[in-house]
Each structure stands twice: as C-alpha cells, then as structure tokens.
Amino acid sequence: MLQLLKYNISDNIIAFSTKRGGDKNKYDSFNITHYCGDSDNHITECRLELCKSLGISDNKLLLPHQTHRTNIISIDKEFLLLSDEERQQKLYDVDVIVTNIKGVCIGVSTADCIPILLSDTEKHIVVAIHAGWRGTVQHIVQKTIKYLKDNYYTNPQNIKAVICPGISEEAFEVGDEVYETFYNSGFDMSKISKRYNKWHINLKEANRIELLNCGVNPKNVQDCTICTYTNFKDYFSARRLGINSGRIFNGIMIKQ
C-alpha cells in the first residue's frame, strides 16, 4: 500500500518520501528501486501505484542508479525522447537529478543515506540529491548548488530545501578512518560529530551546514528529523534490514 510523507515546499511543487507500508518482509510493501534485490513484478506494481497517485505516466517517473559519487544529470525534453535503454545508460552513476519540466517526477532512493530535495522557486527547478557519507564528504550539496548557479543561474537565496528521512547521529557509528576523511575534507567536526564508544557523525547536520554555507536561507531549510534506523518499521534502513531490502523513494515534481 502506498503511503507518503509529504513536504510543504510551495503550491506548485509535490515533494514526498515513500513509507514501507508494512514490515512483514524486507521489501514490504512499497519499493520501486531495481538494484536492491526486489522482484521486477513488485517494482512494476509499485511504480504504477505511485504514478497513478501523481497523475503521470510511467515514463515520467525517473530514478537514477546511484553509486555514492557526485555526478549530476539534468532531465530535459531531449532526454524524454530517448529509448528505455538510452535512459538507463544516462541515469547510471548519477546521485543528483535535476529538472525544470512540469509533470516529471524525479527522485533518489535511500535507506539510511540522507536524501535532500531542493526547489528554486524563482527559476522553477527541482532537484533530488542522494547524500550518503561518501557523497557528503565529497561536498555533494556544494557541487549541486554550483551546478545550479552555472547552468540555471540560480540564486541560493531562492532555494527551498527539505532534508528527508535518514540515519541520525546517535545511530550512525563510524570508524576512525571515516571521521578522519570528514576532517581532511574540511568539515568542522565539533559541529557534526560526537564520541560515544566510537565516533558518530551527524550526516543531516553536515548537509544542513553545507546548504547554509552555499547561501541558502536557514528559514528555507526543513529537516523532517526522522531517523530511518530507529523508525525502520516505517522507513527502510539498510543497517537494520541489510542491503537486500527495499528503499525509500524521495521524489519531487513541478505540478502540470
């Protein structure tokens, strides 16, 4: 059963994260991500259910194959004319997806990583970012906003952002090598980490700080504050359920 956590960005934007909709098995009951071990039939059923809810055709629902890097793709009218095979090729190795086309739902899949949805309310652009720890430490938010400025002339003051469900600081325990990677990448560790028995990193706060450092108004940043690890019965968590389990789809669309 389709269940959505909806975000209020603006009247002409639909933004949401999907919920599990059940906790009987590792894919129960809503998942549209292909590369996590779910059956094609179940994924197709879920896609059709989501598209019906959004009022769009299946070819207007776009999800990249993420690889924990910082590659960005813009969805334009030419992309929509491509064959399914050509689309899959272009969507591979992509962790940020951007569009300014109405009625096209873009999104990223997560199960503990931090999903971030952006909307440039002036230029009418929407963005979905997959920020795991590897993407975060590579400054994926900073690179995305630079891309928007260079390609769409975005003013960061016009960006509204939602930090969607992801793992919390309390649940995200890391080794010293991960801590050192963040430190060497220029993060202020006093603001994004805490020592329990081992180091814990606050990925949500790290990305929130990146947004603010790029010029996004703090008033325009929403954090849903949901920890996927703690709330694994409602949201998929790879640390709780294993990597062979479903994924949350964090989608955003400009209304038609």
C-alpha atoms as a PDB file:
ATOM      1  CA  MET A   1       0.000   0.000   0.000  1.00  0.00           C
ATOM      2  CA  LEU A   2       1.329   3.411  -0.986  1.00  0.00           C
ATOM      3  CA  GLN A   3       1.922   5.739   1.967  1.00  0.00           C
ATOM      4  CA  LEU A   4       3.629   9.105   1.530  1.00  0.00           C
ATOM      5  CA  LEU A   5       5.303  11.521   3.890  1.00  0.00           C
ATOM      6  CA  LYS A   6       4.557  14.829   2.155  1.00  0.00           C
ATOM      7  CA  TYR A   7       6.520  18.076   2.395  1.00  0.00           C
ATOM      8  CA  ASN A   8       5.167  21.595   2.037  1.00  0.00           C
ATOM      9  CA  ILE A   9       7.565  23.500  -0.227  1.00  0.00           C
ATOM     10  CA  SER A  10       5.248  25.610  -2.385  1.00  0.00           C
ATOM     11  CA  ASP A  11       1.825  25.378  -4.013  1.00  0.00           C
ATOM     12  CA  ASN A  12       3.182  24.231  -7.377  1.00  0.00           C
ATOM     13  CA  ILE A  13       5.539  21.550  -6.003  1.00  0.00           C
ATOM     14  CA  ILE A  14       4.809  17.984  -4.956  1.00  0.00           C
ATOM     15  CA  ALA A  15       7.514  16.581  -2.677  1.00  0.00           C
ATOM     16  CA  PHE A  16       7.437  13.383  -0.650  1.00  0.00           C
ATOM     17  CA  SER A  17       9.162  10.304   0.739  1.00  0.00           C
ATOM     18  CA  THR A  18       7.574   6.877   0.464  1.00  0.00           C
ATOM     19  CA  LYS A  19       6.987   4.769   3.562  1.00  0.00           C
ATOM     20  CA  ARG A  20       7.402   0.998   3.805  1.00  0.00           C
ATOM     21  CA  GLY A  21       3.671   0.465   4.219  1.00  0.00           C
ATOM     22  CA  GLY A  22       4.299  -2.778   6.118  1.00  0.00           C
ATOM     23  CA  ASP A  23       7.056  -4.671   7.919  1.00  0.00           C
ATOM     24  CA  LYS A  24       6.437  -8.355   7.174  1.00  0.00           C
ATOM     25  CA  ASN A  25       9.449  -8.766   4.883  1.00  0.00           C
ATOM     26  CA  LYS A  26      12.425  -6.797   3.603  1.00  0.00           C
ATOM     27  CA  TYR A  27      10.548  -5.368   0.614  1.00  0.00           C
ATOM     28  CA  ASP A  28       7.169  -4.905   2.277  1.00  0.00           C
ATOM     29  CA  SER A  29       5.327  -3.278   0.866  1.00  0.00           C
ATOM     30  CA  PHE A  30       6.418  -0.333  -1.325  1.00  0.00           C
ATOM     31  CA  ASN A  31       9.647  -0.287  -3.294  1.00  0.00           C
ATOM     32  CA  ILE A  32      10.481   0.993  -6.797  1.00  0.00           C
ATOM     33  CA  THR A  33      14.268   0.538  -6.699  1.00  0.00           C
ATOM     34  CA  HIS A  34      15.635  -2.174  -9.001  1.00  0.00           C
ATOM     35  CA  TYR A  35      19.152  -2.660  -7.666  1.00  0.00           C
ATOM     36  CA  CYS A  36      18.305  -3.915  -4.162  1.00  0.00           C
ATOM     37  CA  GLY A  37      17.110  -7.446  -4.914  1.00  0.00           C
ATOM     38  CA  ASP A  38      13.346  -6.967  -5.205  1.00  0.00           C
ATOM     39  CA  SER A  39      11.318  -8.683  -7.942  1.00  0.00           C
ATOM     40  CA  ASP A  40      10.589  -6.862 -11.194  1.00  0.00           C
ATOM     41  CA  ASN A  41       6.875  -7.591 -10.842  1.00  0.00           C
ATOM     42  CA  HIS A  42       6.655  -5.983  -7.416  1.00  0.00           C
ATOM     43  CA  ILE A  43       8.620  -2.939  -8.538  1.00  0.00           C
ATOM     44  CA  THR A  44       6.356  -2.509 -11.569  1.00  0.00           C
ATOM     45  CA  GLU A  45       3.240  -2.733  -9.394  1.00  0.00           C
ATOM     46  CA  CYS A  46       4.604  -0.110  -7.018  1.00  0.00           C
ATOM     47  CA  ARG A  47       5.645   2.235  -9.840  1.00  0.00           C
ATOM     48  CA  LEU A  48       2.183   2.070 -11.371  1.00  0.00           C
ATOM     49  CA  GLU A  49       0.590   2.798  -7.999  1.00  0.00           C
ATOM     50  CA  LEU A  50       2.806   5.839  -7.437  1.00  0.00           C
ATOM     51  CA  CYS A  51       2.303   7.148 -10.988  1.00  0.00           C
ATOM     52  CA  LYS A  52      -1.461   6.838 -10.612  1.00  0.00           C
ATOM     53  CA  SER A  53      -1.282   8.809  -7.357  1.00  0.00           C
ATOM     54  CA  LEU A  54       0.797  11.544  -9.045  1.00  0.00           C
ATOM     55  CA  GLY A  55      -1.287  11.606 -12.211  1.00  0.00           C
ATOM     56  CA  ILE A  56       1.650  10.888 -14.525  1.00  0.00           C
ATOM     57  CA  SER A  57       2.662   8.135 -16.938  1.00  0.00           C
ATOM     58  CA  ASP A  58       5.379   5.652 -16.003  1.00  0.00           C
ATOM     59  CA  ASN A  59       7.941   7.247 -18.322  1.00  0.00           C
ATOM     60  CA  LYS A  60       7.680  10.485 -16.310  1.00  0.00           C
ATOM     61  CA  LEU A  61       8.935   8.806 -13.098  1.00  0.00           C
ATOM     62  CA  LEU A  62      12.744   8.950 -13.067  1.00  0.00           C
ATOM     63  CA  LEU A  63      15.183   7.370 -10.632  1.00  0.00           C
ATOM     64  CA  PRO A  64      18.953   7.179 -11.219  1.00  0.00           C
ATOM     65  CA  HIS A  65      21.222   4.250 -10.440  1.00  0.00           C
ATOM     66  CA  GLN A  66      23.241   5.804  -7.631  1.00  0.00           C
ATOM     67  CA  THR A  67      26.870   4.973  -6.902  1.00  0.00           C
ATOM     68  CA  HIS A  68      27.734   7.215  -3.912  1.00  0.00           C
ATOM     69  CA  ARG A  69      29.551   9.756  -6.073  1.00  0.00           C
ATOM     70  CA  THR A  70      28.629  13.316  -7.079  1.00  0.00           C
ATOM     71  CA  ASN A  71      27.598  13.079 -10.728  1.00  0.00           C
ATOM     72  CA  ILE A  72      24.635  15.238 -11.776  1.00  0.00           C
ATOM     73  CA  ILE A  73      22.128  14.871 -14.608  1.00  0.00           C
ATOM     74  CA  SER A  74      19.592  17.361 -15.946  1.00  0.00           C
ATOM     75  CA  ILE A  75      16.371  15.967 -17.371  1.00  0.00           C
ATOM     76  CA  ASP A  76      15.339  17.943 -20.450  1.00  0.00           C
ATOM     77  CA  LYS A  77      12.904  17.374 -23.306  1.00  0.00           C
ATOM     78  CA  GLU A  78      15.576  15.566 -25.324  1.00  0.00           C
ATOM     79  CA  PHE A  79      16.080  13.049 -22.514  1.00  0.00           C
ATOM     80  CA  LEU A  80      12.364  12.235 -22.511  1.00  0.00           C
ATOM     81  CA  LEU A  81      12.600  11.229 -26.190  1.00  0.00           C
ATOM     82  CA  LEU A  82      15.277   8.593 -25.512  1.00  0.00           C
ATOM     83  CA  SER A  83      14.633   4.858 -25.518  1.00  0.00           C
ATOM     84  CA  ASP A  84      14.463   2.991 -22.205  1.00  0.00           C
ATOM     85  CA  GLU A  85      17.948   1.578 -22.770  1.00  0.00           C
ATOM     86  CA  GLU A  86      19.403   5.016 -23.520  1.00  0.00           C
ATOM     87  CA  ARG A  87      17.720   6.445 -20.415  1.00  0.00           C
ATOM     88  CA  GLN A  88      19.173   3.719 -18.216  1.00  0.00           C
ATOM     89  CA  GLN A  89      22.649   4.409 -19.566  1.00  0.00           C
ATOM     90  CA  LYS A  90      22.387   8.119 -18.844  1.00  0.00           C
ATOM     91  CA  LEU A  91      20.907   7.544 -15.371  1.00  0.00           C
ATOM     92  CA  TYR A  92      23.705   5.188 -14.325  1.00  0.00           C
ATOM     93  CA  ASP A  93      26.356   6.538 -11.922  1.00  0.00           C
ATOM     94  CA  VAL A  94      24.208   9.543 -11.013  1.00  0.00           C
ATOM     95  CA  ASP A  95      23.486  10.798  -7.484  1.00  0.00           C
ATOM     96  CA  VAL A  96      21.848  14.149  -8.284  1.00  0.00           C
ATOM     97  CA  ILE A  97      18.928  14.609 -10.660  1.00  0.00           C
ATOM     98  CA  VAL A  98      17.582  17.981 -11.813  1.00  0.00           C
ATOM     99  CA  THR A  99      14.681  19.142 -13.972  1.00  0.00           C
ATOM    100  CA  ASN A 100      12.620  22.200 -14.841  1.00  0.00           C
ATOM    101  CA  ILE A 101       9.968  20.252 -16.765  1.00  0.00           C
ATOM    102  CA  LYS A 102       6.471  20.169 -15.342  1.00  0.00           C
ATOM    103  CA  GLY A 103       4.873  16.802 -14.681  1.00  0.00           C
ATOM    104  CA  VAL A 104       8.158  14.866 -14.414  1.00  0.00           C
ATOM    105  CA  CYS A 105       8.777  13.280 -11.021  1.00  0.00           C
ATOM    106  CA  ILE A 106      12.467  12.900 -10.211  1.00  0.00           C
ATOM    107  CA  GLY A 107      13.876  11.328  -7.085  1.00  0.00           C
ATOM    108  CA  VAL A 108      16.560   9.351  -5.297  1.00  0.00           C
ATOM    109  CA  SER A 109      16.377   6.116  -3.333  1.00  0.00           C
ATOM    110  CA  THR A 110      17.714   5.789   0.208  1.00  0.00           C
ATOM    111  CA  ALA A 111      17.751   3.500   3.217  1.00  0.00           C
ATOM    112  CA  ASP A 112      19.806   5.455   5.815  1.00  0.00           C
ATOM    113  CA  CYS A 113      21.645   7.834   3.459  1.00  0.00           C
ATOM    114  CA  ILE A 114      20.440  11.431   3.511  1.00  0.00           C
ATOM    115  CA  PRO A 115      18.038  12.478   0.745  1.00  0.00           C
ATOM    116  CA  ILE A 116      17.750  16.209   0.066  1.00  0.00           C
ATOM    117  CA  LEU A 117      15.071  17.787  -2.111  1.00  0.00           C
ATOM    118  CA  LEU A 118      15.565  21.298  -3.492  1.00  0.00           C
ATOM    119  CA  SER A 119      13.343  23.755  -5.301  1.00  0.00           C
ATOM    120  CA  ASP A 120      14.458  27.016  -6.910  1.00  0.00           C
ATOM    121  CA  THR A 121      11.219  28.953  -6.551  1.00  0.00           C
ATOM    122  CA  GLU A 122      12.359  31.713  -8.927  1.00  0.00           C
ATOM    123  CA  LYS A 123      13.737  29.618 -11.809  1.00  0.00           C
ATOM    124  CA  HIS A 124      11.215  26.786 -11.295  1.00  0.00           C
ATOM    125  CA  ILE A 125      13.753  23.987 -10.924  1.00  0.00           C
ATOM    126  CA  VAL A 126      13.566  20.902  -8.720  1.00  0.00           C
ATOM    127  CA  VAL A 127      16.429  18.712  -7.548  1.00  0.00           C
ATOM    128  CA  ALA A 128      16.866  15.409  -5.720  1.00  0.00           C
ATOM    129  CA  ILE A 129      20.204  14.642  -4.019  1.00  0.00           C
ATOM    130  CA  HIS A 130      21.457  11.326  -2.639  1.00  0.00           C
ATOM    131  CA  ALA A 131      23.904  12.218   0.140  1.00  0.00           C
ATOM    132  CA  GLY A 132      25.363   9.172   1.830  1.00  0.00           C
ATOM    133  CA  TRP A 133      28.507   9.664   3.852  1.00  0.00           C
ATOM    134  CA  ARG A 134      30.653   9.277   0.733  1.00  0.00           C
ATOM    135  CA  GLY A 135      28.662  11.889  -1.155  1.00  0.00           C
ATOM    136  CA  THR A 136      28.556  14.188   1.852  1.00  0.00           C
ATOM    137  CA  VAL A 137      32.313  14.048   2.390  1.00  0.00           C
ATOM    138  CA  GLN A 138      32.753  14.915  -1.309  1.00  0.00           C
ATOM    139  CA  HIS A 139      30.578  18.034  -0.766  1.00  0.00           C
ATOM    140  CA  ILE A 140      27.730  16.856  -2.977  1.00  0.00           C
ATOM    141  CA  VAL A 141      25.453  19.710  -1.835  1.00  0.00           C
ATOM    142  CA  GLN A 142      28.095  22.323  -2.619  1.00  0.00           C
ATOM    143  CA  LYS A 143      28.690  20.817  -6.062  1.00  0.00           C
ATOM    144  CA  THR A 144      24.958  20.687  -6.767  1.00  0.00           C
ATOM    145  CA  ILE A 145      24.365  24.328  -5.933  1.00  0.00           C
ATOM    146  CA  LYS A 146      27.380  25.366  -8.009  1.00  0.00           C
ATOM    147  CA  TYR A 147      25.871  23.356 -10.889  1.00  0.00           C
ATOM    148  CA  LEU A 148      22.547  25.168 -10.469  1.00  0.00           C
ATOM    149  CA  LYS A 149      24.284  28.544 -10.436  1.00  0.00           C
ATOM    150  CA  ASP A 150      26.381  27.726 -13.506  1.00  0.00           C
ATOM    151  CA  ASN A 151      23.628  26.110 -15.584  1.00  0.00           C
ATOM    152  CA  TYR A 152      20.390  27.726 -14.403  1.00  0.00           C
ATOM    153  CA  TYR A 153      21.659  30.992 -12.843  1.00  0.00           C
ATOM    154  CA  THR A 154      20.116  30.013  -9.511  1.00  0.00           C
ATOM    155  CA  ASN A 155      20.339  32.430  -6.598  1.00  0.00           C
ATOM    156  CA  PRO A 156      20.771  30.257  -3.459  1.00  0.00           C
ATOM    157  CA  GLN A 157      18.512  32.657  -1.564  1.00  0.00           C
ATOM    158  CA  ASN A 158      15.646  31.343  -3.734  1.00  0.00           C
ATOM    159  CA  ILE A 159      16.284  27.702  -2.863  1.00  0.00           C
ATOM    160  CA  LYS A 160      13.974  25.815  -0.528  1.00  0.00           C
ATOM    161  CA  ALA A 161      15.334  22.549   0.844  1.00  0.00           C
ATOM    162  CA  VAL A 162      13.979  19.505   2.632  1.00  0.00           C
ATOM    163  CA  ILE A 163      16.222  17.055   4.451  1.00  0.00           C
ATOM    164  CA  CYS A 164      14.238  13.822   4.291  1.00  0.00           C
ATOM    165  CA  PRO A 165      14.391  10.674   6.490  1.00  0.00           C
ATOM    166  CA  GLY A 166      17.911   9.366   7.071  1.00  0.00           C
ATOM    167  CA  ILE A 167      20.119   7.938   9.764  1.00  0.00           C
ATOM    168  CA  SER A 168      20.647  10.042  12.906  1.00  0.00           C
ATOM    169  CA  GLU A 169      23.897  10.894  14.659  1.00  0.00           C
ATOM    170  CA  GLU A 170      23.016   8.544  17.517  1.00  0.00           C
ATOM    171  CA  ALA A 171      22.649   5.604  15.106  1.00  0.00           C
ATOM    172  CA  PHE A 172      25.492   6.387  12.690  1.00  0.00           C
ATOM    173  CA  GLU A 173      28.578   4.896  14.297  1.00  0.00           C
ATOM    174  CA  VAL A 174      31.746   5.067  12.173  1.00  0.00           C
ATOM    175  CA  GLY A 175      35.374   4.045  12.347  1.00  0.00           C
ATOM    176  CA  ASP A 176      38.247   6.449  12.891  1.00  0.00           C
ATOM    177  CA  GLU A 177      39.054   6.364   9.176  1.00  0.00           C
ATOM    178  CA  VAL A 178      35.637   7.816   8.276  1.00  0.00           C
ATOM    179  CA  TYR A 179      35.991  10.523  10.926  1.00  0.00           C
ATOM    180  CA  GLU A 180      39.420  11.418   9.530  1.00  0.00           C
ATOM    181  CA  THR A 181      38.047  11.534   5.982  1.00  0.00           C
ATOM    182  CA  PHE A 182      35.484  14.145   7.034  1.00  0.00           C
ATOM    183  CA  TYR A 183      38.120  16.087   8.974  1.00  0.00           C
ATOM    184  CA  ASN A 184      40.505  16.078   5.995  1.00  0.00           C
ATOM    185  CA  SER A 185      37.667  17.232   3.736  1.00  0.00           C
ATOM    186  CA  GLY A 186      37.293  20.441   5.748  1.00  0.00           C
ATOM    187  CA  PHE A 187      34.255  19.732   7.941  1.00  0.00           C
ATOM    188  CA  ASP A 188      34.063  21.299  11.402  1.00  0.00           C
ATOM    189  CA  MET A 189      33.939  18.064  13.393  1.00  0.00           C
ATOM    190  CA  SER A 190      32.885  19.849  16.581  1.00  0.00           C
ATOM    191  CA  LYS A 191      29.560  20.582  14.848  1.00  0.00           C
ATOM    192  CA  ILE A 192      28.875  17.261  13.119  1.00  0.00           C
ATOM    193  CA  SER A 193      30.367  14.522  15.303  1.00  0.00           C
ATOM    194  CA  LYS A 194      30.257  13.120  18.812  1.00  0.00           C
ATOM    195  CA  ARG A 195      32.290  10.460  20.586  1.00  0.00           C
ATOM    196  CA  TYR A 196      30.439   7.672  22.350  1.00  0.00           C
ATOM    197  CA  ASN A 197      32.397   4.399  22.458  1.00  0.00           C
ATOM    198  CA  LYS A 198      33.222   5.206  18.834  1.00  0.00           C
ATOM    199  CA  TRP A 199      32.746   8.252  16.650  1.00  0.00           C
ATOM    200  CA  HIS A 200      29.232   9.121  15.463  1.00  0.00           C
ATOM    201  CA  ILE A 201      28.634  11.545  12.601  1.00  0.00           C
ATOM    202  CA  ASN A 202      25.554  13.704  12.050  1.00  0.00           C
ATOM    203  CA  LEU A 203      25.076  13.499   8.285  1.00  0.00           C
ATOM    204  CA  LYS A 204      21.920  15.592   8.365  1.00  0.00           C
ATOM    205  CA  GLU A 205      23.679  18.439  10.147  1.00  0.00           C
ATOM    206  CA  ALA A 206      26.713  18.160   7.868  1.00  0.00           C
ATOM    207  CA  ASN A 207      24.489  18.670   4.823  1.00  0.00           C
ATOM    208  CA  ARG A 208      22.432  21.395   6.504  1.00  0.00           C
ATOM    209  CA  ILE A 209      25.638  23.320   7.192  1.00  0.00           C
ATOM    210  CA  GLU A 210      26.695  22.821   3.568  1.00  0.00           C
ATOM    211  CA  LEU A 211      23.375  24.317   2.412  1.00  0.00           C
ATOM    212  CA  LEU A 212      23.841  27.352   4.638  1.00  0.00           C
ATOM    213  CA  ASN A 213      27.471  27.795   3.572  1.00  0.00           C
ATOM    214  CA  CYS A 214      26.259  27.887  -0.045  1.00  0.00           C
ATOM    215  CA  GLY A 215      23.933  30.789   0.746  1.00  0.00           C
ATOM    216  CA  VAL A 216      20.627  29.018   1.363  1.00  0.00           C
ATOM    217  CA  ASN A 217      18.489  30.894   3.904  1.00  0.00           C
ATOM    218  CA  PRO A 218      18.205  28.887   7.159  1.00  0.00           C
ATOM    219  CA  LYS A 219      14.463  29.647   7.173  1.00  0.00           C
ATOM    220  CA  ASN A 220      14.166  27.789   3.859  1.00  0.00           C
ATOM    221  CA  VAL A 221      15.661  24.521   5.160  1.00  0.00           C
ATOM    222  CA  GLN A 222      13.265  21.917   6.566  1.00  0.00           C
ATOM    223  CA  ASP A 223      14.528  18.837   8.424  1.00  0.00           C
ATOM    224  CA  CYS A 224      11.921  16.129   8.899  1.00  0.00           C
ATOM    225  CA  THR A 225      14.053  14.797  11.855  1.00  0.00           C
ATOM    226  CA  ILE A 226      13.101  11.157  11.155  1.00  0.00           C
ATOM    227  CA  CYS A 227      15.826   8.564  11.777  1.00  0.00           C
ATOM    228  CA  THR A 228      15.463   5.599   9.428  1.00  0.00           C
ATOM    229  CA  TYR A 229      17.437   3.286  11.721  1.00  0.00           C
ATOM    230  CA  THR A 230      15.160   3.987  14.684  1.00  0.00           C
ATOM    231  CA  ASN A 231      11.973   4.039  12.611  1.00  0.00           C
ATOM    232  CA  PHE A 232      12.790   1.016  10.450  1.00  0.00           C
ATOM    233  CA  LYS A 233       9.242  -0.325  10.630  1.00  0.00           C
ATOM    234  CA  ASP A 234       8.017   2.744   8.735  1.00  0.00           C
ATOM    235  CA  TYR A 235      11.106   3.533   6.639  1.00  0.00           C
ATOM    236  CA  PHE A 236      13.675   1.213   5.079  1.00  0.00           C
ATOM    237  CA  SER A 237      17.019   1.016   6.883  1.00  0.00           C
ATOM    238  CA  ALA A 238      19.898  -0.914   5.331  1.00  0.00           C
ATOM    239  CA  ARG A 239      21.704  -1.039   8.671  1.00  0.00           C
ATOM    240  CA  ARG A 240      18.690  -2.714  10.262  1.00  0.00           C
ATOM    241  CA  LEU A 241      17.389  -4.811   7.354  1.00  0.00           C
ATOM    242  CA  GLY A 242      20.529  -5.406   5.272  1.00  0.00           C
ATOM    243  CA  ILE A 243      21.356  -4.096   1.813  1.00  0.00           C
ATOM    244  CA  ASN A 244      18.994  -6.637   0.207  1.00  0.00           C
ATOM    245  CA  SER A 245      15.889  -4.774   1.278  1.00  0.00           C
ATOM    246  CA  GLY A 246      13.635  -2.062  -0.113  1.00  0.00           C
ATOM    247  CA  ARG A 247      14.428   1.617  -0.498  1.00  0.00           C
ATOM    248  CA  ILE A 248      12.613   4.851   0.262  1.00  0.00           C
ATOM    249  CA  PHE A 249      11.863   6.907  -2.853  1.00  0.00           C
ATOM    250  CA  ASN A 250      12.260  10.627  -2.207  1.00  0.00           C
ATOM    251  CA  GLY A 251      10.530  12.399  -5.057  1.00  0.00           C
ATOM    252  CA  ILE A 252       9.843  15.940  -6.195  1.00  0.00           C
ATOM    253  CA  MET A 253       7.808  17.270  -9.124  1.00  0.00           C
ATOM    254  CA  ILE A 254       6.606  20.565 -10.549  1.00  0.00           C
ATOM    255  CA  LYS A 255       2.850  20.321 -10.956  1.00  0.00           C
ATOM    256  CA  GLN A 256       1.477  20.265 -14.505  1.00  0.00           C
END
